[in-house]
Amino acid sequence: MGPLRTARPREQPALATEAMPGSVWFPGSQLNCAVEVFRGRDEAGTAVVAVT
C-alpha cells in the first residue's frame, strides 16, 4: 500500500511531549482515512456495498 500521506513535516517529532497520560501524538497532522483506504483502487469501480 505504501507510506501514508500526511500534512505533517517529517522533521516534527511524533510525540509533542513525553508526558503520559495526556500525550498528543503527531501534533498538527491530518489524515484523510477515505483517501488512504481507496488509494490505488479503480475510480470507476464499486467503492461500497451494503446489505441490510
PDB file of N, CA and C in Angstrom:
ATOM      1  N   MET A   1       0.826  -1.188   0.000  1.00  0.00           N
ATOM      2  CA  MET A   1       0.000   0.000   0.000  1.00  0.00           C
ATOM      3  C   MET A   1       0.869   1.250   0.000  1.00  0.00           C
ATOM      4  N   GLY A   2       2.015   1.229   0.595  1.00  0.00           N
ATOM      5  CA  GLY A   2       2.899   2.389   0.600  1.00  0.00           C
ATOM      6  C   GLY A   2       2.715   3.251   1.830  1.00  0.00           C
ATOM      7  N   PRO A   3       3.587   4.239   1.987  1.00  0.00           N
ATOM      8  CA  PRO A   3       3.515   5.110   3.159  1.00  0.00           C
ATOM      9  C   PRO A   3       2.284   5.999   3.130  1.00  0.00           C
ATOM     10  N   LEU A   4       1.795   6.342   4.319  1.00  0.00           N
ATOM     11  CA  LEU A   4       0.650   7.248   4.427  1.00  0.00           C
ATOM     12  C   LEU A   4       1.066   8.654   4.035  1.00  0.00           C
ATOM     13  N   ARG A   5       0.153   9.372   3.419  1.00  0.00           N
ATOM     14  CA  ARG A   5       0.397  10.769   3.069  1.00  0.00           C
ATOM     15  C   ARG A   5      -0.220  11.629   4.160  1.00  0.00           C
ATOM     16  N   THR A   6       0.595  12.399   4.842  1.00  0.00           N
ATOM     17  CA  THR A   6       0.093  13.269   5.898  1.00  0.00           C
ATOM     18  C   THR A   6       0.518  14.699   5.619  1.00  0.00           C
ATOM     19  N   ALA A   7      -0.107  15.623   6.327  1.00  0.00           N
ATOM     20  CA  ALA A   7       0.218  17.034   6.185  1.00  0.00           C
ATOM     21  C   ALA A   7       1.194  17.483   7.271  1.00  0.00           C
ATOM     22  N   ARG A   8       1.982  16.555   7.828  1.00  0.00           N
ATOM     23  CA  ARG A   8       2.933  16.885   8.889  1.00  0.00           C
ATOM     24  C   ARG A   8       4.345  16.794   8.329  1.00  0.00           C
ATOM     25  N   PRO A   9       5.146  17.850   8.486  1.00  0.00           N
ATOM     26  CA  PRO A   9       6.532  17.760   8.042  1.00  0.00           C
ATOM     27  C   PRO A   9       7.269  16.648   8.769  1.00  0.00           C
ATOM     28  N   ARG A  10       8.102  15.918   8.090  1.00  0.00           N
ATOM     29  CA  ARG A  10       8.816  14.784   8.682  1.00  0.00           C
ATOM     30  C   ARG A  10       9.787  15.197   9.787  1.00  0.00           C
ATOM     31  N   GLU A  11      10.174  16.475   9.819  1.00  0.00           N
ATOM     32  CA  GLU A  11      11.114  16.925  10.846  1.00  0.00           C
ATOM     33  C   GLU A  11      10.470  17.020  12.226  1.00  0.00           C
ATOM     34  N   GLN A  12       9.149  17.142  12.274  1.00  0.00           N
ATOM     35  CA  GLN A  12       8.463  17.277  13.551  1.00  0.00           C
ATOM     36  C   GLN A  12       8.459  15.942  14.288  1.00  0.00           C
ATOM     37  N   PRO A  13       8.593  15.982  15.619  1.00  0.00           N
ATOM     38  CA  PRO A  13       8.536  14.738  16.380  1.00  0.00           C
ATOM     39  C   PRO A  13       7.132  14.142  16.368  1.00  0.00           C
ATOM     40  N   ALA A  14       7.043  12.832  16.543  1.00  0.00           N
ATOM     41  CA  ALA A  14       5.746  12.163  16.572  1.00  0.00           C
ATOM     42  C   ALA A  14       4.994  12.458  17.860  1.00  0.00           C
ATOM     43  N   LEU A  15       5.701  12.745  18.931  1.00  0.00           N
ATOM     44  CA  LEU A  15       5.096  12.981  20.239  1.00  0.00           C
ATOM     45  C   LEU A  15       5.401  14.412  20.665  1.00  0.00           C
ATOM     46  N   ALA A  16       4.344  15.195  20.989  1.00  0.00           N
ATOM     47  CA  ALA A  16       4.522  16.607  21.345  1.00  0.00           C
ATOM     48  C   ALA A  16       5.334  16.756  22.634  1.00  0.00           C
ATOM     49  N   THR A  17       4.997  15.976  23.651  1.00  0.00           N
ATOM     50  CA  THR A  17       5.747  15.968  24.915  1.00  0.00           C
ATOM     51  C   THR A  17       5.833  14.533  25.390  1.00  0.00           C
ATOM     52  N   GLU A  18       6.679  14.279  26.362  1.00  0.00           N
ATOM     53  CA  GLU A  18       6.814  12.915  26.881  1.00  0.00           C
ATOM     54  C   GLU A  18       5.863  12.642  28.042  1.00  0.00           C
ATOM     55  N   ALA A  19       4.954  13.566  28.326  1.00  0.00           N
ATOM     56  CA  ALA A  19       4.003  13.397  29.427  1.00  0.00           C
ATOM     57  C   ALA A  19       3.013  12.287  29.104  1.00  0.00           C
ATOM     58  N   MET A  20       2.843  11.385  30.061  1.00  0.00           N
ATOM     59  CA  MET A  20       1.861  10.305  29.921  1.00  0.00           C
ATOM     60  C   MET A  20       1.054  10.271  31.211  1.00  0.00           C
ATOM     61  N   PRO A  21      -0.253  10.142  31.238  1.00  0.00           N
ATOM     62  CA  PRO A  21      -1.189  10.217  30.125  1.00  0.00           C
ATOM     63  C   PRO A  21      -1.345  11.656  29.655  1.00  0.00           C
ATOM     64  N   GLY A  22      -2.113  11.848  28.634  1.00  0.00           N
ATOM     65  CA  GLY A  22      -2.361  13.176  28.093  1.00  0.00           C
ATOM     66  C   GLY A  22      -1.440  13.537  26.942  1.00  0.00           C
ATOM     67  N   SER A  23      -0.776  12.567  26.376  1.00  0.00           N
ATOM     68  CA  SER A  23       0.131  12.823  25.263  1.00  0.00           C
ATOM     69  C   SER A  23      -0.627  13.257  24.016  1.00  0.00           C
ATOM     70  N   VAL A  24       0.024  14.035  23.208  1.00  0.00           N
ATOM     71  CA  VAL A  24      -0.520  14.449  21.920  1.00  0.00           C
ATOM     72  C   VAL A  24       0.383  13.844  20.851  1.00  0.00           C
ATOM     73  N   TRP A  25      -0.146  12.876  20.121  1.00  0.00           N
ATOM     74  CA  TRP A  25       0.627  12.193  19.100  1.00  0.00           C
ATOM     75  C   TRP A  25       0.476  12.894  17.759  1.00  0.00           C
ATOM     76  N   PHE A  26       1.552  13.040  17.033  1.00  0.00           N
ATOM     77  CA  PHE A  26       1.597  13.642  15.702  1.00  0.00           C
ATOM     78  C   PHE A  26       0.889  14.999  15.680  1.00  0.00           C
ATOM     79  N   PRO A  27       1.361  15.964  16.491  1.00  0.00           N
ATOM     80  CA  PRO A  27       0.716  17.272  16.546  1.00  0.00           C
ATOM     81  C   PRO A  27       0.732  17.957  15.183  1.00  0.00           C
ATOM     82  N   GLY A  28      -0.403  18.534  14.826  1.00  0.00           N
ATOM     83  CA  GLY A  28      -0.522  19.244  13.563  1.00  0.00           C
ATOM     84  C   GLY A  28      -0.748  18.356  12.356  1.00  0.00           C
ATOM     85  N   SER A  29      -0.817  17.042  12.562  1.00  0.00           N
ATOM     86  CA  SER A  29      -1.017  16.125  11.436  1.00  0.00           C
ATOM     87  C   SER A  29      -2.479  16.039  11.044  1.00  0.00           C
ATOM     88  N   GLN A  30      -2.706  15.741   9.782  1.00  0.00           N
ATOM     89  CA  GLN A  30      -4.045  15.495   9.278  1.00  0.00           C
ATOM     90  C   GLN A  30      -3.996  14.228   8.445  1.00  0.00           C
ATOM     91  N   LEU A  31      -4.998  13.389   8.582  1.00  0.00           N
ATOM     92  CA  LEU A  31      -5.060  12.146   7.829  1.00  0.00           C
ATOM     93  C   LEU A  31      -6.473  11.970   7.296  1.00  0.00           C
ATOM     94  N   ASN A  32      -6.594  11.758   6.010  1.00  0.00           N
ATOM     95  CA  ASN A  32      -7.888  11.512   5.391  1.00  0.00           C
ATOM     96  C   ASN A  32      -7.992   9.997   5.190  1.00  0.00           C
ATOM     97  N   CYS A  33      -8.753   9.333   6.050  1.00  0.00           N
ATOM     98  CA  CYS A  33      -8.856   7.870   6.001  1.00  0.00           C
ATOM     99  C   CYS A  33      -9.456   7.384   4.689  1.00  0.00           C
ATOM    100  N   ALA A  34     -10.441   8.082   4.160  1.00  0.00           N
ATOM    101  CA  ALA A  34     -11.061   7.653   2.905  1.00  0.00           C
ATOM    102  C   ALA A  34     -10.046   7.667   1.768  1.00  0.00           C
ATOM    103  N   VAL A  35      -9.225   8.686   1.716  1.00  0.00           N
ATOM    104  CA  VAL A  35      -8.202   8.758   0.672  1.00  0.00           C
ATOM    105  C   VAL A  35      -7.248   7.578   0.785  1.00  0.00           C
ATOM    106  N   GLU A  36      -6.850   7.231   2.006  1.00  0.00           N
ATOM    107  CA  GLU A  36      -5.910   6.124   2.206  1.00  0.00           C
ATOM    108  C   GLU A  36      -6.542   4.769   1.914  1.00  0.00           C
ATOM    109  N   VAL A  37      -7.809   4.587   2.291  1.00  0.00           N
ATOM    110  CA  VAL A  37      -8.491   3.314   2.060  1.00  0.00           C
ATOM    111  C   VAL A  37      -8.648   3.045   0.570  1.00  0.00           C
ATOM    112  N   PHE A  38      -8.979   4.081  -0.191  1.00  0.00           N
ATOM    113  CA  PHE A  38      -9.254   3.892  -1.608  1.00  0.00           C
ATOM    114  C   PHE A  38      -8.068   4.222  -2.520  1.00  0.00           C
ATOM    115  N   ARG A  39      -6.921   4.561  -1.947  1.00  0.00           N
ATOM    116  CA  ARG A  39      -5.746   4.884  -2.766  1.00  0.00           C
ATOM    117  C   ARG A  39      -5.343   3.668  -3.604  1.00  0.00           C
ATOM    118  N   GLY A  40      -5.131   3.892  -4.888  1.00  0.00           N
ATOM    119  CA  GLY A  40      -4.704   2.825  -5.778  1.00  0.00           C
ATOM    120  C   GLY A  40      -5.841   1.980  -6.325  1.00  0.00           C
ATOM    121  N   ARG A  41      -7.065   2.261  -5.930  1.00  0.00           N
ATOM    122  CA  ARG A  41      -8.213   1.500  -6.404  1.00  0.00           C
ATOM    123  C   ARG A  41      -8.722   2.079  -7.723  1.00  0.00           C
ATOM    124  N   ASP A  42      -9.480   1.296  -8.453  1.00  0.00           N
ATOM    125  CA  ASP A  42     -10.091   1.725  -9.705  1.00  0.00           C
ATOM    126  C   ASP A  42     -11.184   2.741  -9.400  1.00  0.00           C
ATOM    127  N   GLU A  43     -11.032   3.969  -9.887  1.00  0.00           N
ATOM    128  CA  GLU A  43     -12.008   5.022  -9.608  1.00  0.00           C
ATOM    129  C   GLU A  43     -13.366   4.725 -10.214  1.00  0.00           C
ATOM    130  N   ALA A  44     -13.432   3.911 -11.242  1.00  0.00           N
ATOM    131  CA  ALA A  44     -14.706   3.582 -11.877  1.00  0.00           C
ATOM    132  C   ALA A  44     -15.360   2.367 -11.224  1.00  0.00           C
ATOM    133  N   GLY A  45     -14.666   1.710 -10.317  1.00  0.00           N
ATOM    134  CA  GLY A  45     -15.186   0.509  -9.671  1.00  0.00           C
ATOM    135  C   GLY A  45     -16.140   0.817  -8.529  1.00  0.00           C
ATOM    136  N   THR A  46     -16.718  -0.236  -7.974  1.00  0.00           N
ATOM    137  CA  THR A  46     -17.631  -0.113  -6.840  1.00  0.00           C
ATOM    138  C   THR A  46     -16.823   0.177  -5.582  1.00  0.00           C
ATOM    139  N   ALA A  47     -17.218   1.223  -4.846  1.00  0.00           N
ATOM    140  CA  ALA A  47     -16.488   1.610  -3.637  1.00  0.00           C
ATOM    141  C   ALA A  47     -17.062   0.951  -2.392  1.00  0.00           C
ATOM    142  N   VAL A  48     -18.375   0.904  -2.278  1.00  0.00           N
ATOM    143  CA  VAL A  48     -19.002   0.396  -1.056  1.00  0.00           C
ATOM    144  C   VAL A  48     -20.213  -0.428  -1.447  1.00  0.00           C
ATOM    145  N   VAL A  49     -20.355  -1.582  -0.806  1.00  0.00           N
ATOM    146  CA  VAL A  49     -21.535  -2.426  -0.966  1.00  0.00           C
ATOM    147  C   VAL A  49     -22.099  -2.636   0.425  1.00  0.00           C
ATOM    148  N   ALA A  50     -23.399  -2.379   0.577  1.00  0.00           N
ATOM    149  CA  ALA A  50     -24.035  -2.527   1.893  1.00  0.00           C
ATOM    150  C   ALA A  50     -25.239  -3.478   1.768  1.00  0.00           C
ATOM    151  N   VAL A  51     -25.403  -4.290   2.805  1.00  0.00           N
ATOM    152  CA  VAL A  51     -26.548  -5.195   2.865  1.00  0.00           C
ATOM    153  C   VAL A  51     -27.204  -4.967   4.227  1.00  0.00           C
ATOM    154  N   THR A  52     -28.520  -4.735   4.208  1.00  0.00           N
ATOM    155  CA  THR A  52     -29.201  -4.534   5.483  1.00  0.00           C
ATOM    156  C   THR A  52     -30.247  -5.599   5.695  1.00  0.00           C
TER     157      THR A  52
END
